[in-house]
PDB file of N, CA and C in Angstrom:
ATOM      1  N   UNK A   1      59.846 137.192  54.789  1.00  0.00           N
ATOM      2  CA  UNK A   1      60.483 137.745  53.619  1.00  0.00           C
ATOM      3  C   UNK A   1      61.135 136.649  52.810  1.00  0.00           C
ATOM      4  N   UNK A   2      62.240 136.120  53.290  1.00  0.00           N
ATOM      5  CA  UNK A   2      63.001 135.141  52.526  1.00  0.00           C
ATOM      6  C   UNK A   2      62.568 133.735  52.895  1.00  0.00           C
ATOM      7  N   UNK A   3      62.526 132.890  51.892  1.00  0.00           N
ATOM      8  CA  UNK A   3      62.177 131.504  52.131  1.00  0.00           C
ATOM      9  C   UNK A   3      63.290 130.794  52.873  1.00  0.00           C
ATOM     10  N   UNK A   4      64.515 131.223  52.600  1.00  0.00           N
ATOM     11  CA  UNK A   4      65.687 130.640  53.238  1.00  0.00           C
ATOM     12  C   UNK A   4      66.776 131.695  53.310  1.00  0.00           C
ATOM     13  N   UNK A   5      67.622 131.583  54.287  1.00  0.00           N
ATOM     14  CA  UNK A   5      68.711 132.546  54.406  1.00  0.00           C
ATOM     15  C   UNK A   5      69.964 132.091  53.679  1.00  0.00           C
ATOM     16  N   UNK A   6      69.973 130.848  53.222  1.00  0.00           N
ATOM     17  CA  UNK A   6      71.141 130.347  52.517  1.00  0.00           C
ATOM     18  C   UNK A   6      70.867 130.341  51.022  1.00  0.00           C
ATOM     19  N   UNK A   7      71.938 130.360  50.254  1.00  0.00           N
ATOM     20  CA  UNK A   7      71.801 130.298  48.802  1.00  0.00           C
ATOM     21  C   UNK A   7      72.517 129.079  48.248  1.00  0.00           C
ATOM     22  N   UNK A   8      72.936 128.171  49.135  1.00  0.00           N
ATOM     23  CA  UNK A   8      73.718 127.010  48.716  1.00  0.00           C
ATOM     24  C   UNK A   8      72.980 126.126  47.719  1.00  0.00           C
ATOM     25  N   UNK A   9      71.718 125.864  47.943  1.00  0.00           N
ATOM     26  CA  UNK A   9      70.996 124.923  47.093  1.00  0.00           C
ATOM     27  C   UNK A   9      69.884 125.578  46.282  1.00  0.00           C
ATOM     28  N   UNK A  10      69.846 126.876  46.251  1.00  0.00           N
ATOM     29  CA  UNK A  10      68.790 127.572  45.533  1.00  0.00           C
ATOM     30  C   UNK A  10      69.090 127.564  44.030  1.00  0.00           C
ATOM     31  N   UNK A  11      68.054 127.334  43.240  1.00  0.00           N
ATOM     32  CA  UNK A  11      68.231 127.337  41.790  1.00  0.00           C
ATOM     33  C   UNK A  11      68.121 128.763  41.256  1.00  0.00           C
ATOM     34  N   UNK A  12      68.536 128.923  40.013  1.00  0.00           N
ATOM     35  CA  UNK A  12      68.434 130.234  39.364  1.00  0.00           C
ATOM     36  C   UNK A  12      66.971 130.683  39.337  1.00  0.00           C
ATOM     37  N   UNK A  13      66.082 129.782  38.945  1.00  0.00           N
ATOM     38  CA  UNK A  13      64.659 130.121  38.857  1.00  0.00           C
ATOM     39  C   UNK A  13      64.088 130.517  40.219  1.00  0.00           C
ATOM     40  N   UNK A  14      64.500 129.816  41.266  1.00  0.00           N
ATOM     41  CA  UNK A  14      64.033 130.157  42.613  1.00  0.00           C
ATOM     42  C   UNK A  14      64.549 131.534  43.029  1.00  0.00           C
ATOM     43  N   UNK A  15      65.798 131.820  42.695  1.00  0.00           N
ATOM     44  CA  UNK A  15      66.380 133.117  43.043  1.00  0.00           C
ATOM     45  C   UNK A  15      65.642 134.243  42.336  1.00  0.00           C
ATOM     46  N   UNK A  16      65.368 134.057  41.049  1.00  0.00           N
ATOM     47  CA  UNK A  16      64.648 135.079  40.285  1.00  0.00           C
ATOM     48  C   UNK A  16      63.250 135.279  40.864  1.00  0.00           C
ATOM     49  N   UNK A  17      62.575 134.190  41.193  1.00  0.00           N
ATOM     50  CA  UNK A  17      61.233 134.293  41.768  1.00  0.00           C
ATOM     51  C   UNK A  17      61.262 135.044  43.097  1.00  0.00           C
ATOM     52  N   UNK A  18      62.264 134.774  43.911  1.00  0.00           N
ATOM     53  CA  UNK A  18      62.365 135.467  45.198  1.00  0.00           C
ATOM     54  C   UNK A  18      62.687 136.945  45.002  1.00  0.00           C
ATOM     55  N   UNK A  19      63.543 137.260  44.031  1.00  0.00           N
ATOM     56  CA  UNK A  19      63.848 138.668  43.725  1.00  0.00           C
ATOM     57  C   UNK A  19      62.573 139.385  43.298  1.00  0.00           C
ATOM     58  N   UNK A  20      61.782 138.748  42.437  1.00  0.00           N
ATOM     59  CA  UNK A  20      60.522 139.351  41.991  1.00  0.00           C
ATOM     60  C   UNK A  20      59.571 139.565  43.163  1.00  0.00           C
ATOM     61  N   UNK A  21      59.528 138.616  44.086  1.00  0.00           N
ATOM     62  CA  UNK A  21      58.690 138.737  45.278  1.00  0.00           C
ATOM     63  C   UNK A  21      59.143 139.919  46.140  1.00  0.00           C
ATOM     64  N   UNK A  22      60.453 140.044  46.304  1.00  0.00           N
ATOM     65  CA  UNK A  22      61.005 141.158  47.085  1.00  0.00           C
ATOM     66  C   UNK A  22      60.662 142.486  46.421  1.00  0.00           C
ATOM     67  N   UNK A  23      60.812 142.560  45.099  1.00  0.00           N
ATOM     68  CA  UNK A  23      60.488 143.801  44.381  1.00  0.00           C
ATOM     69  C   UNK A  23      59.021 144.167  44.546  1.00  0.00           C
ATOM     70  N   UNK A  24      58.153 143.164  44.494  1.00  0.00           N
ATOM     71  CA  UNK A  24      56.725 143.407  44.684  1.00  0.00           C
ATOM     72  C   UNK A  24      56.460 143.985  46.076  1.00  0.00           C
ATOM     73  N   UNK A  25      57.105 143.408  47.077  1.00  0.00           N
ATOM     74  CA  UNK A  25      56.935 143.899  48.448  1.00  0.00           C
ATOM     75  C   UNK A  25      57.486 145.317  48.597  1.00  0.00           C
ATOM     76  N   UNK A  26      58.608 145.594  47.930  1.00  0.00           N
ATOM     77  CA  UNK A  26      59.217 146.921  48.030  1.00  0.00           C
ATOM     78  C   UNK A  26      58.378 147.981  47.323  1.00  0.00           C
ATOM     79  N   UNK A  27      57.580 147.572  46.345  1.00  0.00           N
ATOM     80  CA  UNK A  27      56.719 148.513  45.635  1.00  0.00           C
ATOM     81  C   UNK A  27      55.405 148.756  46.359  1.00  0.00           C
ATOM     82  N   UNK A  28      55.162 148.020  47.421  1.00  0.00           N
ATOM     83  CA  UNK A  28      53.943 148.176  48.211  1.00  0.00           C
ATOM     84  C   UNK A  28      53.990 149.509  48.954  1.00  0.00           C
ATOM     85  N   UNK A  29      52.930 150.259  48.849  1.00  0.00           N
ATOM     86  CA  UNK A  29      52.864 151.568  49.502  1.00  0.00           C
ATOM     87  C   UNK A  29      52.933 151.445  51.024  1.00  0.00           C
ATOM     88  N   UNK A  30      52.590 150.290  51.546  1.00  0.00           N
ATOM     89  CA  UNK A  30      52.594 150.083  52.993  1.00  0.00           C
ATOM     90  C   UNK A  30      53.846 149.337  53.457  1.00  0.00           C
ATOM     91  N   UNK A  31      54.935 149.473  52.732  1.00  0.00           N
ATOM     92  CA  UNK A  31      56.188 148.811  53.076  1.00  0.00           C
ATOM     93  C   UNK A  31      56.650 149.234  54.464  1.00  0.00           C
ATOM     94  N   UNK A  32      56.988 148.248  55.266  1.00  0.00           N
ATOM     95  CA  UNK A  32      57.556 148.510  56.583  1.00  0.00           C
ATOM     96  C   UNK A  32      59.003 148.943  56.381  1.00  0.00           C
ATOM     97  N   UNK A  33      59.291 150.191  56.651  1.00  0.00           N
ATOM     98  CA  UNK A  33      60.618 150.748  56.397  1.00  0.00           C
ATOM     99  C   UNK A  33      61.701 149.991  57.153  1.00  0.00           C
ATOM    100  N   UNK A  34      61.341 149.377  58.267  1.00  0.00           N
ATOM    101  CA  UNK A  34      62.312 148.604  59.038  1.00  0.00           C
ATOM    102  C   UNK A  34      62.751 147.343  58.292  1.00  0.00           C
ATOM    103  N   UNK A  35      61.948 146.878  57.356  1.00  0.00           N
ATOM    104  CA  UNK A  35      62.274 145.686  56.571  1.00  0.00           C
ATOM    105  C   UNK A  35      63.063 146.016  55.306  1.00  0.00           C
ATOM    106  N   UNK A  36      63.092 147.273  54.930  1.00  0.00           N
ATOM    107  CA  UNK A  36      63.728 147.668  53.669  1.00  0.00           C
ATOM    108  C   UNK A  36      65.175 147.203  53.575  1.00  0.00           C
ATOM    109  N   UNK A  37      65.949 147.411  54.609  1.00  0.00           N
ATOM    110  CA  UNK A  37      67.356 147.007  54.599  1.00  0.00           C
ATOM    111  C   UNK A  37      67.516 145.514  54.395  1.00  0.00           C
ATOM    112  N   UNK A  38      66.682 144.733  55.064  1.00  0.00           N
ATOM    113  CA  UNK A  38      66.744 143.274  54.923  1.00  0.00           C
ATOM    114  C   UNK A  38      66.369 142.848  53.509  1.00  0.00           C
ATOM    115  N   UNK A  39      65.358 143.504  52.934  1.00  0.00           N
ATOM    116  CA  UNK A  39      64.966 143.191  51.559  1.00  0.00           C
ATOM    117  C   UNK A  39      66.100 143.499  50.584  1.00  0.00           C
ATOM    118  N   UNK A  40      66.708 144.658  50.737  1.00  0.00           N
ATOM    119  CA  UNK A  40      67.798 145.057  49.843  1.00  0.00           C
ATOM    120  C   UNK A  40      68.977 144.098  49.979  1.00  0.00           C
ATOM    121  N   UNK A  41      69.306 143.738  51.200  1.00  0.00           N
ATOM    122  CA  UNK A  41      70.427 142.818  51.434  1.00  0.00           C
ATOM    123  C   UNK A  41      70.163 141.452  50.794  1.00  0.00           C
ATOM    124  N   UNK A  42      68.970 140.921  50.991  1.00  0.00           N
ATOM    125  CA  UNK A  42      68.632 139.611  50.418  1.00  0.00           C
ATOM    126  C   UNK A  42      68.618 139.678  48.890  1.00  0.00           C
ATOM    127  N   UNK A  43      68.031 140.732  48.343  1.00  0.00           N
ATOM    128  CA  UNK A  43      67.991 140.871  46.885  1.00  0.00           C
ATOM    129  C   UNK A  43      69.399 140.964  46.310  1.00  0.00           C
ATOM    130  N   UNK A  44      70.274 141.691  46.975  1.00  0.00           N
ATOM    131  CA  UNK A  44      71.658 141.818  46.518  1.00  0.00           C
ATOM    132  C   UNK A  44      72.348 140.458  46.520  1.00  0.00           C
ATOM    133  N   UNK A  45      72.135 139.683  47.565  1.00  0.00           N
ATOM    134  CA  UNK A  45      72.708 138.335  47.643  1.00  0.00           C
ATOM    135  C   UNK A  45      72.195 137.465  46.502  1.00  0.00           C
ATOM    136  N   UNK A  46      70.901 137.531  46.245  1.00  0.00           N
ATOM    137  CA  UNK A  46      70.310 136.715  45.186  1.00  0.00           C
ATOM    138  C   UNK A  46      70.778 137.155  43.801  1.00  0.00           C
ATOM    139  N   UNK A  47      70.910 138.455  43.591  1.00  0.00           N
ATOM    140  CA  UNK A  47      71.400 138.960  42.305  1.00  0.00           C
ATOM    141  C   UNK A  47      72.829 138.498  42.063  1.00  0.00           C
ATOM    142  N   UNK A  48      73.646 138.537  43.095  1.00  0.00           N
ATOM    143  CA  UNK A  48      75.025 138.048  42.975  1.00  0.00           C
ATOM    144  C   UNK A  48      75.029 136.567  42.616  1.00  0.00           C
ATOM    145  N   UNK A  49      74.179 135.792  43.263  1.00  0.00           N
ATOM    146  CA  UNK A  49      74.068 134.367  42.961  1.00  0.00           C
ATOM    147  C   UNK A  49      73.675 134.151  41.500  1.00  0.00           C
ATOM    148  N   UNK A  50      72.697 134.911  41.028  1.00  0.00           N
ATOM    149  CA  UNK A  50      72.254 134.778  39.635  1.00  0.00           C
ATOM    150  C   UNK A  50      73.386 135.115  38.666  1.00  0.00           C
ATOM    151  N   UNK A  51      74.123 136.174  38.956  1.00  0.00           N
ATOM    152  CA  UNK A  51      75.252 136.542  38.098  1.00  0.00           C
ATOM    153  C   UNK A  51      76.282 135.422  38.046  1.00  0.00           C
ATOM    154  N   UNK A  52      76.570 134.821  39.193  1.00  0.00           N
ATOM    155  CA  UNK A  52      77.537 133.720  39.252  1.00  0.00           C
ATOM    156  C   UNK A  52      77.056 132.521  38.442  1.00  0.00           C
ATOM    157  N   UNK A  53      75.766 132.202  38.561  1.00  0.00           N
ATOM    158  CA  UNK A  53      75.221 131.070  37.814  1.00  0.00           C
ATOM    159  C   UNK A  53      75.244 131.345  36.314  1.00  0.00           C
ATOM    160  N   UNK A  54      74.939 132.572  35.915  1.00  0.00           N
ATOM    161  CA  UNK A  54      74.981 132.927  34.497  1.00  0.00           C
ATOM    162  C   UNK A  54      76.401 132.859  33.952  1.00  0.00           C
ATOM    163  N   UNK A  55      77.357 133.342  34.718  1.00  0.00           N
ATOM    164  CA  UNK A  55      78.755 133.296  34.295  1.00  0.00           C
ATOM    165  C   UNK A  55      79.226 131.851  34.152  1.00  0.00           C
ATOM    166  N   UNK A  56      78.841 131.008  35.087  1.00  0.00           N
ATOM    167  CA  UNK A  56      79.207 129.592  35.024  1.00  0.00           C
ATOM    168  C   UNK A  56      78.604 128.943  33.777  1.00  0.00           C
ATOM    169  N   UNK A  57      77.340 129.246  33.499  1.00  0.00           N
ATOM    170  CA  UNK A  57      76.687 128.687  32.315  1.00  0.00           C
ATOM    171  C   UNK A  57      77.362 129.179  31.038  1.00  0.00           C
ATOM    172  N   UNK A  58      77.727 130.452  31.010  1.00  0.00           N
ATOM    173  CA  UNK A  58      78.414 131.013  29.847  1.00  0.00           C
ATOM    174  C   UNK A  58      79.742 130.294  29.606  1.00  0.00           C
ATOM    175  N   UNK A  59      80.488 130.057  30.658  1.00  0.00           N
ATOM    176  CA  UNK A  59      81.772 129.359  30.531  1.00  0.00           C
ATOM    177  C   UNK A  59      81.571 127.930  30.032  1.00  0.00           C
ATOM    178  N   UNK A  60      80.521 127.273  30.500  1.00  0.00           N
ATOM    179  CA  UNK A  60      80.241 125.912  30.043  1.00  0.00           C
ATOM    180  C   UNK A  60      79.905 125.904  28.554  1.00  0.00           C
ATOM    181  N   UNK A  61      79.108 126.867  28.119  1.00  0.00           N
ATOM    182  CA  UNK A  61      78.747 126.961  26.704  1.00  0.00           C
ATOM    183  C   UNK A  61      79.991 127.227  25.865  1.00  0.00           C
ATOM    184  N   UNK A  62      80.833 128.152  26.313  1.00  0.00           N
ATOM    185  CA  UNK A  62      82.058 128.462  25.583  1.00  0.00           C
ATOM    186  C   UNK A  62      82.961 127.237  25.488  1.00  0.00           C
ATOM    187  N   UNK A  63      83.027 126.458  26.549  1.00  0.00           N
ATOM    188  CA  UNK A  63      83.849 125.244  26.550  1.00  0.00           C
ATOM    189  C   UNK A  63      83.320 124.241  25.526  1.00  0.00           C
ATOM    190  N   UNK A  64      82.013 124.069  25.492  1.00  0.00           N
ATOM    191  CA  UNK A  64      81.407 123.146  24.536  1.00  0.00           C
ATOM    192  C   UNK A  64      81.632 123.636  23.111  1.00  0.00           C
ATOM    193  N   UNK A  65      81.468 124.931  22.906  1.00  0.00           N
ATOM    194  CA  UNK A  65      81.656 125.496  21.566  1.00  0.00           C
ATOM    195  C   UNK A  65      83.098 125.318  21.101  1.00  0.00           C
ATOM    196  N   UNK A  66      84.061 125.494  21.986  1.00  0.00           N
ATOM    197  CA  UNK A  66      85.469 125.319  21.631  1.00  0.00           C
ATOM    198  C   UNK A  66      85.767 123.866  21.293  1.00  0.00           C
ATOM    199  N   UNK A  67      85.175 122.942  22.029  1.00  0.00           N
ATOM    200  CA  UNK A  67      85.424 121.524  21.753  1.00  0.00           C
ATOM    201  C   UNK A  67      84.777 121.099  20.435  1.00  0.00           C
ATOM    202  N   UNK A  68      83.675 121.749  20.056  1.00  0.00           N
ATOM    203  CA  UNK A  68      83.033 121.463  18.775  1.00  0.00           C
ATOM    204  C   UNK A  68      83.868 121.974  17.610  1.00  0.00           C
ATOM    205  N   UNK A  69      84.601 123.054  17.817  1.00  0.00           N
ATOM    206  CA  UNK A  69      85.432 123.642  16.769  1.00  0.00           C
ATOM    207  C   UNK A  69      86.694 122.828  16.524  1.00  0.00           C
ATOM    208  N   UNK A  70      87.113 122.074  17.518  1.00  0.00           N
ATOM    209  CA  UNK A  70      88.376 121.321  17.402  1.00  0.00           C
ATOM    210  C   UNK A  70      88.242 120.088  16.551  1.00  0.00           C
TER     211      UNK A  70
END
């Protein structure tokens, strides 16, 4: 399922790709129901990571924009 269990060094693009892979597997009619919980847990972790990275990028942009206005 997951390429790695850690999210320490994963990039935003890698996280999105893994989320898409998980969604594809979850849409498979032959999904192993025993794996569903693990897929949901991993996807939730990756989504949280993506949100954090987006928020960090937004703050960086806002900081740059404020310094340009000064």
